[in-house]
């Protein structure tokens, strides 16, 4: 499960901007990904309020299936210059409340 589809990320330090590639936004394509993975009926994949608190829409994907993510950088990606590594975490340790997405709408 991943949080909402588009995030503004923290500002980078000025010295780093000259040498390091920074992600400026992230789009998890929640609607098409959840349709493809047949998780679109899970409550957590929809805008919702719990009490007076607005909960973020979350991406739920199934193991072994492809999903689309779009990263926007602060400058063009250069394969020869930039080392890009992406780490994804899975498992119950990432849930704020275990099984909160198991309920279908």
Protein backbone atom coordinates (compact mmCIF):
# COMPACT_ATOMS: atom_id res chain seq x y z
CA UNK A 1 0.00 0.00 0.00
CA UNK A 2 1.30 3.42 -0.92
CA UNK A 3 0.00 6.87 0.05
CA UNK A 4 -1.72 9.35 -2.26
CA UNK A 5 -0.99 9.60 -5.95
CA UNK A 6 0.83 12.93 -6.15
CA UNK A 7 3.22 14.31 -3.56
CA UNK A 8 5.30 17.45 -3.38
CA UNK A 9 8.61 16.41 -1.93
CA UNK A 10 10.81 18.49 0.42
CA UNK A 11 13.07 21.16 -1.03
CA UNK A 12 16.64 20.03 -1.66
CA UNK A 13 19.67 21.79 -0.19
CA UNK A 14 21.19 24.29 -2.63
CA UNK A 15 24.59 22.53 -2.85
CA UNK A 16 22.91 19.20 -3.66
CA UNK A 17 20.89 20.73 -6.48
CA UNK A 18 24.04 21.12 -8.54
CA UNK A 19 25.10 17.47 -8.38
CA UNK A 20 22.30 15.19 -7.19
CA UNK A 21 19.15 14.26 -9.09
CA UNK A 22 16.06 15.03 -7.01
CA UNK A 23 12.49 13.84 -7.34
CA UNK A 24 10.15 16.83 -7.40
CA UNK A 25 6.89 14.89 -7.70
CA UNK A 26 5.55 11.36 -7.65
CA UNK A 27 2.38 10.10 -9.34
CA UNK A 28 1.28 6.60 -8.31
CA UNK A 29 -1.55 6.48 -10.90
CA UNK A 30 -3.87 5.12 -8.23
CA UNK A 31 -7.04 4.89 -10.35
CA UNK A 32 -5.61 2.92 -13.30
CA UNK A 33 -3.31 0.82 -11.09
CA UNK A 34 -6.10 -0.23 -8.73
CA UNK A 35 -8.36 -1.07 -11.69
CA UNK A 36 -5.64 -3.25 -13.23
CA UNK A 37 -4.90 -4.95 -9.89
CA UNK A 38 -8.60 -5.38 -9.05
CA UNK A 39 -8.18 -3.45 -5.77
CA UNK A 40 -10.30 -0.45 -6.80
CA UNK A 41 -13.14 -1.41 -4.46
CA UNK A 42 -10.98 -1.22 -1.33
CA UNK A 43 -12.05 1.70 0.86
CA UNK A 44 -8.47 2.97 1.21
CA UNK A 45 -8.19 3.54 -2.55
CA UNK A 46 -10.94 6.20 -2.41
CA UNK A 47 -11.06 9.67 -0.83
CA UNK A 48 -12.62 9.27 2.62
CA UNK A 49 -12.96 10.80 6.03
CA UNK A 50 -12.57 9.01 9.33
CA UNK A 51 -14.39 11.20 11.79
CA UNK A 52 -13.19 14.68 10.88
CA UNK A 53 -9.84 13.49 9.54
CA UNK A 54 -9.33 13.23 5.78
CA UNK A 55 -7.41 10.05 5.01
CA UNK A 56 -5.00 9.94 2.07
CA UNK A 57 -5.92 7.79 -0.90
CA UNK A 58 -3.61 4.78 -0.99
CA UNK A 59 -2.30 2.56 -3.77
CA UNK A 60 -2.90 -1.16 -3.31
CA UNK A 61 -1.20 -3.46 -5.83
CA UNK A 62 -0.92 -7.23 -6.03
CA UNK A 63 2.33 -9.12 -5.85
CA UNK A 64 3.79 -10.18 -9.19
CA UNK A 65 1.85 -7.69 -11.31
CA UNK A 66 3.21 -4.60 -13.05
CA UNK A 67 2.15 -1.13 -11.94
CA UNK A 68 2.88 2.36 -13.23
CA UNK A 69 4.65 5.12 -11.29
CA UNK A 70 5.76 8.46 -12.73
CA UNK A 71 8.69 10.30 -11.16
CA UNK A 72 9.43 13.91 -12.09
CA UNK A 73 12.99 15.13 -11.50
CA UNK A 74 14.44 18.59 -11.04
CA UNK A 75 16.46 18.12 -14.23
CA UNK A 76 16.67 15.59 -17.09
CA UNK A 77 17.80 12.09 -16.10
CA UNK A 78 21.22 11.19 -17.52
CA UNK A 79 21.90 7.45 -17.43
CA UNK A 80 25.68 7.98 -17.61
CA UNK A 81 25.71 10.50 -14.74
CA UNK A 82 22.85 9.58 -12.43
CA UNK A 83 22.57 6.53 -10.21
CA UNK A 84 18.85 5.85 -9.75
CA UNK A 85 17.76 3.37 -7.08
CA UNK A 86 14.20 2.70 -6.04
CA UNK A 87 13.31 0.79 -2.88
CA UNK A 88 9.79 -0.46 -2.24
CA UNK A 89 8.68 -1.81 1.11
CA UNK A 90 5.98 -4.40 1.59
CA UNK A 91 4.40 -6.15 4.51
CA UNK A 92 2.28 -5.41 7.51
CA UNK A 93 4.93 -3.17 9.11
CA UNK A 94 3.98 -0.46 6.61
CA UNK A 95 0.34 -0.31 7.65
CA UNK A 96 -0.80 2.33 10.11
CA UNK A 97 -3.78 0.15 11.03
CA UNK A 98 -3.55 -3.53 10.02
CA UNK A 99 -6.24 -4.71 7.58
CA UNK A 100 -7.95 -1.33 7.25
CA UNK A 101 -8.12 -1.80 3.45
CA UNK A 102 -9.61 -5.28 3.48
CA UNK A 103 -13.15 -3.90 3.41
CA UNK A 104 -14.69 -3.40 -0.03
CA UNK A 105 -17.08 -0.49 -0.70
